[in-house]
């Protein structure tokens, strides 16, 4: 059932953003005007999460709000799911968009539609306080047969660890970052691979006694010698090509007027994590 169907309800929580007067005509003409959009997030800073007051914030929710507010969208609702459940939830019609740090990969492109890239991000590593095993790369993990690594189920970072040569029997997968951290503190794993922004978000949130970020850390190095950087984007169901096109047009404006850069600054992304020049179609075509 496509997005522009009677599945979309006409009442929900307030969007919290008011379009400026010059946008009124655009909103009136938009096929999204007056509708409610449901967005899936995995409750992880800085991607998309609930703050201490229960409000949803994060780079991707803020980006989608900025893109859709001028179009007269009446409300945005958020649904929290484990990262590995986001795409299945989208395909099961639980929500209309995923806005939560999903990397563009050829395999995922076979299942869903991606918006144009909005960020780049590499791998990061959590280790025990003081980094007693001196882990600064996947190579360090591979060389020490006693090291067990934790990762998120369905994440590119866990896949990168395997691609780098970490043995599968030494990689334990968990449904979310809280479970990974708990496993570290319980001694089940010695380190955890997450995206670098996710590692930063966890450390900034506090409450991580006994754990620190491994700095420096070299992530997965491709056969051509380049270090892996994932490109993230907002995700749509295959049925929603029109919604994807509308969003992409808005995203291009936000890149041009500095909104994307301002949101990057707000959530502590660096210039090195700026969106790649490649399009989502080009990234989907890569092997």
Foldseek 3Di string as FASTA:
>chain_A
DEPLDPVWDQDDDAAPDADDPVLVVQQVPASQARTEFEEEEAAFPQFWHADPVRDIHHLQSVLVSQLCNSNHHGYYHYDHDQPVCRLVCQQVVVGFKYGYFDFQALVVVVFWDWAWFFWKWAKWKKFFPPNVQLAAELVSQQVDPVAAEEEEPPDVQLVQSVVQPRDPVRYHYDRHDVVRLVCCVVVVGGMYMDIPRRLVRVVVVDPSPRMHIDPPHQTRQDPVRHGDMTTGGMIGGPSHPVVSVSSNVSVVVCVVVCVSVVSCVVRVHDPVTGGDPDTSVVNNPDD
